[in-house]
Amino acid sequence: MSERKVLNKYYPPDFDPSKIPKLKLPKDRQYVVRLMAPFNMRCKTCGEYIYKGKKFNARKETVQNELYMGLPIFRFYIKCTRCLAEITFKTDPENTDYAMEHGATRNFQAEKLIEEEEKRITQEREEEELNNPMKVLENRTKDSKMEMEVLENLQELKELNQRQAQVDFEGMIDRYRELERQEKEREKEEDERETKEMLDRALVKRLRDSDSGSEKEEESLQPNKSSTDKPTDILTTDRSTEAQGTSSGGVKRAKVESWERSVGTLGGRGALGSLVVRKKPAATINKPSPVTAAAAAAATATSQTDPKASTADSETASKPVTTQNGSSSLSLLGAYSDSDSNDSE
């Protein structure tokens, strides 16, 4: 399979390159090239400024009968961007630059003009000295005289400055020492201020820490009401108050059960006691119980035999007897009488 792109071509055996006709192109042929303006210029026709680096499609040609050390010189044709006037410039290999030729003026060329003028004067002087030895002597005399005048003027200026300039070295040293002292004082004041600020910040932080610690202690000492109080505690306020009073009097306070605390009681003097009316019990005749009757008969017999013993027994019977569970004997007797009355009913 043959290659898609052929790089070599076939030359027949009888190929003679001298028989190929040559193209006859004119020497002043112009080519279209893309270039940038080599310097700033201003159009003479409309006054438009063309800055360095502006791109143009220019026509290029070789300058006839003009060479520099065997190097050809090229000319370029461009058009003004505003009025389309033709502007030409050419290469300058002698100065490694471009030379403006027609249609515009080059800007910022003062330094170049000065250099060209100096070069021209130097060249003329060399030409004069080449053929006239007396001119060489005169020029040397003028140069030496000018150098002497310059040195004299310089010496006069130095002497004038020395007479007018009165330098006080002691004063300079004193001022320098004063500046050093002020600088040290300023640094010392800054150090003291920074130290004071640091101490103030530490003191404020310590006070804040102590305040926060005292607040935490107070919070720990105070009971947490939000965790213990309940909405139904209002029903047991009177009972808790009475229990506290009895405990302060020396009597053991009864334990409040959980169901009593959560449900509460309707006391006669409680917050909700006025809202409930209790039903009054009907009048009943209490029959004496056998224990009570026996105790009464024994007391009567004793009183008949011994009046003093009967008096003591009556006083003893009138006093309440406290049992292990904290309830009195009279309350027990009352309870028994109530139970008997309920049975009889």
Protein backbone atom coordinates (compact mmCIF):
# COMPACT_ATOMS: atom_id res chain seq x y z
CA MET A 1 0.00 0.00 0.00
CA SER A 2 1.47 3.37 -1.00
CA GLU A 3 1.88 6.30 1.38
CA ARG A 4 -0.83 8.93 1.56
CA LYS A 5 1.60 11.87 1.51
CA VAL A 6 4.46 11.57 -0.99
CA LEU A 7 7.62 13.46 -0.06
CA ASN A 8 9.88 12.34 -2.92
CA LYS A 9 9.24 12.89 -6.57
CA TYR A 10 10.24 10.86 -9.57
CA TYR A 11 13.04 12.16 -11.79
CA PRO A 12 13.36 10.45 -15.17
CA PRO A 13 16.82 9.33 -16.43
CA ASP A 14 16.94 12.02 -19.14
CA PHE A 15 16.16 14.89 -16.67
CA ASP A 16 18.26 18.05 -17.36
CA PRO A 17 17.72 20.95 -14.89
CA SER A 18 19.43 23.45 -17.23
CA LYS A 19 16.51 23.16 -19.62
CA ILE A 20 14.04 24.50 -16.99
CA PRO A 21 13.17 28.13 -17.88
CA LYS A 22 13.96 30.75 -15.22
CA LEU A 23 11.48 33.34 -13.98
CA LYS A 24 12.37 36.92 -14.89
CA LEU A 25 11.16 39.09 -11.97
CA PRO A 26 11.78 42.87 -11.75
CA LYS A 27 14.38 43.99 -9.24
CA ASP A 28 12.09 46.60 -7.74
CA ARG A 29 9.35 44.07 -7.06
CA GLN A 30 7.19 44.83 -4.00
CA TYR A 31 6.04 42.32 -1.39
CA VAL A 32 3.20 42.65 1.08
CA VAL A 33 4.42 42.09 4.63
CA ARG A 34 2.93 42.48 8.09
CA LEU A 35 4.93 44.81 10.36
CA MET A 36 4.64 47.16 13.32
CA ALA A 37 5.53 50.85 13.40
CA PRO A 38 9.18 51.05 14.58
CA PHE A 39 8.79 54.47 16.28
CA ASN A 40 6.23 57.14 17.15
CA MET A 41 5.30 59.37 14.25
CA ARG A 42 2.76 62.03 13.26
CA CYS A 43 1.10 62.31 9.89
CA LYS A 44 1.87 65.54 8.00
CA THR A 45 -1.49 65.53 6.20
CA CYS A 46 -4.01 65.18 9.06
CA GLY A 47 -1.85 65.36 12.18
CA GLU A 48 -2.82 61.86 13.39
CA TYR A 49 -0.44 60.28 15.87
CA ILE A 50 0.78 56.77 15.03
CA TYR A 51 2.34 55.10 18.03
CA LYS A 52 5.11 52.56 18.15
CA GLY A 53 3.84 48.98 17.83
CA LYS A 54 0.85 49.79 15.60
CA LYS A 55 0.38 46.96 13.08
CA PHE A 56 0.18 47.60 9.32
CA ASN A 57 -0.02 45.62 6.09
CA ALA A 58 2.95 47.29 4.40
CA ARG A 59 4.57 47.02 0.98
CA LYS A 60 8.26 46.21 1.03
CA GLU A 61 10.83 46.89 -1.70
CA THR A 62 14.62 46.98 -2.06
CA VAL A 63 16.20 50.43 -2.49
CA GLN A 64 18.11 50.60 -5.75
CA ASN A 65 21.72 51.76 -5.90
CA GLU A 66 22.00 52.11 -2.12
CA LEU A 67 24.03 49.69 0.00
CA TYR A 68 25.80 49.82 3.35
CA MET A 69 28.84 47.60 3.48
CA GLY A 70 27.20 45.22 1.06
CA LEU A 71 23.89 45.11 2.98
CA PRO A 72 20.76 46.05 1.05
CA ILE A 73 18.43 48.73 2.35
CA PHE A 74 14.66 48.14 2.36
CA ARG A 75 11.85 50.67 2.03
CA PHE A 76 8.36 50.25 3.53
CA TYR A 77 5.09 51.89 2.49
CA ILE A 78 2.22 52.26 4.99
CA LYS A 79 -0.99 54.32 5.08
CA CYS A 80 -2.22 56.70 7.74
CA THR A 81 -5.01 55.21 9.84
CA ARG A 82 -7.11 58.38 9.51
CA CYS A 83 -6.55 59.99 6.13
CA LEU A 84 -4.95 57.04 4.27
CA ALA A 85 -1.99 59.18 3.21
CA GLU A 86 1.09 57.23 2.21
CA ILE A 87 4.03 57.17 4.64
CA THR A 88 7.43 55.71 3.84
CA PHE A 89 10.47 54.85 5.94
CA LYS A 90 13.54 52.70 5.34
CA THR A 91 16.10 50.72 7.27
CA ASP A 92 19.27 52.33 8.66
CA PRO A 93 21.84 49.58 9.28
CA GLU A 94 24.55 52.11 10.06
CA ASN A 95 22.75 53.21 13.26
CA THR A 96 20.76 49.96 13.70
CA ASP A 97 17.53 51.95 13.40
CA TYR A 98 14.89 53.14 10.93
CA ALA A 99 14.97 56.45 9.06
CA MET A 100 11.83 58.50 8.35
CA GLU A 101 11.61 59.32 4.64
CA HIS A 102 8.25 60.81 3.60
CA GLY A 103 4.69 61.56 4.77
CA ALA A 104 5.27 61.94 8.55
CA THR A 105 7.60 63.31 11.18
CA ARG A 106 9.25 61.30 13.92
CA ASN A 107 8.46 62.22 17.53
CA PHE A 108 10.79 62.28 20.56
CA GLN A 109 13.88 62.73 18.41
CA ALA A 110 15.66 65.48 20.39
CA GLU A 111 18.33 63.23 21.90
CA LYS A 112 19.07 61.69 18.55
CA LEU A 113 19.41 65.12 16.95
CA ILE A 114 21.86 66.22 19.66
CA GLU A 115 23.99 63.14 19.14
CA GLU A 116 24.02 63.72 15.38
CA GLU A 117 25.06 67.35 15.87
CA GLU A 118 27.91 66.40 18.18
CA LYS A 119 29.04 63.75 15.75
CA ARG A 120 28.99 66.25 12.90
CA ILE A 121 31.07 68.81 14.82
CA THR A 122 33.64 66.19 15.77
CA GLN A 123 33.90 64.99 12.21
CA GLU A 124 34.45 68.54 10.87
CA ARG A 125 37.18 69.19 13.43
CA GLU A 126 39.01 66.03 12.51
CA GLU A 127 38.91 66.98 8.84
CA GLU A 128 40.37 70.43 9.61
CA GLU A 129 43.16 69.02 11.76
CA LEU A 130 44.03 66.42 9.13
CA ASN A 131 45.32 68.98 6.60
CA ASN A 132 46.32 71.91 8.92
CA PRO A 133 48.93 71.32 11.68
CA MET A 134 48.51 74.86 13.04
CA LYS A 135 44.82 74.19 13.58
CA VAL A 136 45.75 71.19 15.69
CA LEU A 137 47.97 73.38 17.93
CA GLU A 138 45.27 76.02 18.30
CA ASN A 139 42.68 73.44 19.29
CA ARG A 140 45.04 71.95 21.89
CA THR A 141 45.72 75.41 23.35
CA LYS A 142 42.00 76.13 23.58
CA ASP A 143 41.32 72.81 25.27
CA SER A 144 44.08 73.31 27.87
CA LYS A 145 42.91 76.86 28.59
CA MET A 146 39.32 75.68 29.05
CA GLU A 147 40.43 72.94 31.44
CA MET A 148 42.39 75.46 33.54
CA GLU A 149 39.38 77.76 33.75
CA VAL A 150 37.15 74.90 34.86
CA LEU A 151 39.61 73.87 37.58
CA GLU A 152 39.93 77.46 38.84
CA ASN A 153 36.17 77.89 39.04
CA LEU A 154 35.87 74.63 40.91
CA GLN A 155 38.53 75.65 43.44
CA GLU A 156 36.83 79.02 44.02
CA LEU A 157 33.54 77.28 44.73
CA LYS A 158 35.19 74.96 47.25
CA GLU A 159 36.84 77.88 49.11
CA LEU A 160 33.56 79.82 49.18
CA ASN A 161 31.75 76.88 50.68
CA GLN A 162 34.43 76.40 53.34
CA ARG A 163 34.24 80.09 54.38
CA GLN A 164 30.47 80.14 54.60
CA ALA A 165 30.03 76.74 56.16
CA GLN A 166 30.61 76.90 59.93
CA VAL A 167 30.18 73.41 61.27
CA ASP A 168 29.60 73.12 65.04
CA PHE A 169 30.78 69.63 65.85
CA GLU A 170 29.98 69.95 69.57
CA GLY A 171 26.46 71.00 68.80
CA MET A 172 26.04 68.09 66.39
CA ILE A 173 27.20 65.67 69.09
CA ASP A 174 24.88 67.22 71.68
CA ARG A 175 21.91 66.98 69.34
CA TYR A 176 22.77 63.39 68.60
CA ARG A 177 22.94 62.58 72.32
CA GLU A 178 19.63 64.36 72.93
CA LEU A 179 17.98 62.34 70.19
CA GLU A 180 19.34 59.12 71.70
CA ARG A 181 18.03 60.09 75.16
CA GLN A 182 14.57 60.90 73.78
CA GLU A 183 14.50 57.61 71.92
CA LYS A 184 15.39 55.68 75.08
CA GLU A 185 12.73 57.50 77.11
CA ARG A 186 10.13 56.79 74.47
CA GLU A 187 11.03 53.09 74.44
CA LYS A 188 10.90 52.99 78.27
CA GLU A 189 7.46 54.62 78.31
CA GLU A 190 6.19 52.17 75.72
CA ASP A 191 7.51 49.23 77.79
CA GLU A 192 5.85 50.56 80.94
CA ARG A 193 2.57 51.12 79.16
CA GLU A 194 2.59 47.62 77.70
CA THR A 195 3.42 46.12 81.13
CA LYS A 196 0.58 48.06 82.76
CA GLU A 197 -1.87 46.94 80.09
CA MET A 198 -0.84 43.31 80.58
CA LEU A 199 -1.28 43.58 84.38
CA ASP A 200 -4.70 45.20 83.97
CA ARG A 201 -5.82 42.46 81.63
CA ALA A 202 -4.60 39.79 84.05
CA LEU A 203 -6.40 41.48 86.98
CA VAL A 204 -9.66 41.75 85.06
CA LYS A 205 -9.41 38.11 84.06
CA ARG A 206 -8.75 37.09 87.67
CA LEU A 207 -11.76 39.09 88.90
CA ARG A 208 -13.96 37.52 86.25
CA ASP A 209 -12.79 34.05 87.25
CA SER A 210 -13.48 34.74 90.94
CA ASP A 211 -16.95 36.11 90.14
CA SER A 212 -17.79 33.09 88.06
CA GLY A 213 -16.52 30.77 90.84
CA SER A 214 -18.67 32.50 93.51
CA GLU A 215 -21.71 32.35 91.22
CA LYS A 216 -21.15 28.63 90.74
CA GLU A 217 -20.89 28.09 94.51
CA GLU A 218 -24.12 30.00 95.11
CA GLU A 219 -25.88 27.98 92.45
CA SER A 220 -24.62 24.74 94.03
CA LEU A 221 -25.81 25.81 97.52
CA GLN A 222 -29.25 26.89 96.39
CA PRO A 223 -31.69 24.01 95.78
CA ASN A 224 -32.80 23.44 92.28
CA LYS A 225 -36.43 24.46 92.54
CA SER A 226 -37.21 23.77 88.95
CA SER A 227 -36.28 20.09 89.39
CA THR A 228 -38.17 19.52 92.69
CA ASP A 229 -41.24 21.71 92.43
CA LYS A 230 -44.26 20.24 90.75
CA PRO A 231 -47.57 21.78 89.71
CA THR A 232 -49.47 19.71 92.33
CA ASP A 233 -47.31 20.83 95.28
CA ILE A 234 -49.79 23.62 95.98
CA LEU A 235 -52.19 20.97 97.30
CA THR A 236 -49.76 19.92 100.03
CA THR A 237 -48.57 23.33 101.21
CA ASP A 238 -50.55 23.27 104.47
CA ARG A 239 -49.56 19.77 105.29
CA SER A 240 -45.89 20.42 104.66
CA THR A 241 -46.09 23.56 106.82
CA GLU A 242 -47.73 21.64 109.66
CA ALA A 243 -45.15 18.89 109.33
CA GLN A 244 -42.33 21.45 109.59
CA GLY A 245 -43.95 22.94 112.70
CA THR A 246 -44.24 19.60 114.40
CA SER A 247 -40.67 18.72 113.50
CA SER A 248 -39.41 21.97 115.00
CA GLY A 249 -41.36 21.19 118.19
CA GLY A 250 -39.46 17.98 118.67
CA VAL A 251 -42.00 15.49 117.31
CA LYS A 252 -40.87 13.17 114.56
CA ARG A 253 -42.27 14.29 111.18
CA ALA A 254 -44.24 11.69 109.28
CA LYS A 255 -42.88 10.69 105.91
CA VAL A 256 -44.89 11.98 102.97
CA GLU A 257 -45.57 9.24 100.52
CA SER A 258 -45.14 9.74 96.83
CA TRP A 259 -48.84 9.34 96.02
CA GLU A 260 -49.78 11.86 98.68
CA ARG A 261 -47.29 14.38 97.31
CA SER A 262 -48.37 13.98 93.71
CA VAL A 263 -52.15 13.94 94.38
CA GLY A 264 -52.25 16.12 97.48
CA THR A 265 -54.87 16.46 100.18
CA LEU A 266 -57.80 18.76 100.60
CA GLY A 267 -57.14 20.27 104.04
CA GLY A 268 -59.61 22.54 105.79
CA ARG A 269 -57.11 25.40 105.78
CA GLY A 270 -55.45 24.63 102.47
CA ALA A 271 -55.46 26.71 99.34
CA LEU A 272 -58.30 24.62 97.88
CA GLY A 273 -59.98 23.72 101.18
CA SER A 274 -62.55 26.49 100.79
CA LEU A 275 -63.76 24.99 97.53
CA VAL A 276 -64.83 21.67 99.09
CA VAL A 277 -67.61 21.30 101.65
CA ARG A 278 -67.34 18.26 103.88
CA LYS A 279 -70.43 16.27 104.74
CA LYS A 280 -71.17 16.40 108.47
CA PRO A 281 -71.56 12.92 110.04
CA ALA A 282 -74.89 12.08 111.65
CA ALA A 283 -75.15 12.03 115.46
CA THR A 284 -74.67 8.51 116.78
CA ILE A 285 -74.82 7.00 120.24
CA ASN A 286 -71.57 5.40 121.15
CA LYS A 287 -71.86 2.25 123.17
CA PRO A 288 -69.12 1.59 125.66
CA SER A 289 -66.84 -1.15 124.63
CA PRO A 290 -66.06 -4.05 126.99
CA VAL A 291 -62.55 -2.78 127.56
CA THR A 292 -63.83 0.64 128.55
CA ALA A 293 -66.51 -0.79 130.82
CA ALA A 294 -64.01 -3.01 132.59
CA ALA A 295 -61.66 -0.12 133.08
CA ALA A 296 -64.44 2.06 134.51
CA ALA A 297 -65.57 -0.67 136.95
CA ALA A 298 -62.05 -1.19 138.17
CA ALA A 299 -61.61 2.50 138.73
CA THR A 300 -64.87 2.69 140.77
CA ALA A 301 -63.86 -0.19 143.00
CA THR A 302 -60.46 1.29 143.64
CA SER A 303 -61.89 4.67 144.50
CA GLN A 304 -64.16 3.10 147.09
CA THR A 305 -61.36 1.20 148.85
CA ASP A 306 -58.54 3.76 148.55
CA PRO A 307 -59.37 7.38 147.66
CA LYS A 308 -55.68 8.34 147.12
CA ALA A 309 -55.05 5.48 144.71
CA SER A 310 -58.18 6.31 142.84
CA THR A 311 -57.06 9.89 142.45
CA ALA A 312 -53.67 8.78 141.11
CA ASP A 313 -55.32 6.29 138.77
CA SER A 314 -57.63 8.94 137.45
CA GLU A 315 -54.70 11.28 136.79
CA THR A 316 -52.83 8.47 135.10
CA ALA A 317 -55.84 7.60 132.98
CA SER A 318 -56.33 11.20 131.97
CA LYS A 319 -52.75 11.46 130.72
CA PRO A 320 -52.12 10.16 127.22
CA VAL A 321 -49.83 7.15 126.98
CA THR A 322 -47.46 7.24 124.09
CA THR A 323 -46.83 3.98 122.31
CA GLN A 324 -43.95 2.91 120.08
CA ASN A 325 -45.57 4.18 116.92
CA GLY A 326 -46.07 7.64 118.45
CA SER A 327 -49.91 7.45 118.96
CA SER A 328 -51.55 7.91 122.38
CA SER A 329 -53.72 5.40 124.27
CA LEU A 330 -56.64 7.81 124.22
CA SER A 331 -56.54 7.92 120.46
CA LEU A 332 -56.53 4.13 120.41
CA LEU A 333 -59.53 4.03 122.71
CA GLY A 334 -61.31 6.54 120.52
CA ALA A 335 -60.56 4.42 117.49
CA TYR A 336 -61.97 1.33 119.21
CA SER A 337 -65.10 3.21 120.21
CA ASP A 338 -65.58 4.45 116.63
CA SER A 339 -65.21 0.95 115.25
CA ASP A 340 -67.78 -0.40 117.78
CA SER A 341 -70.25 2.30 116.90
CA ASN A 342 -69.88 1.53 113.22
CA ASP A 343 -70.51 -2.18 113.94
CA SER A 344 -73.60 -1.42 115.91
CA GLU A 345 -74.98 0.63 113.06
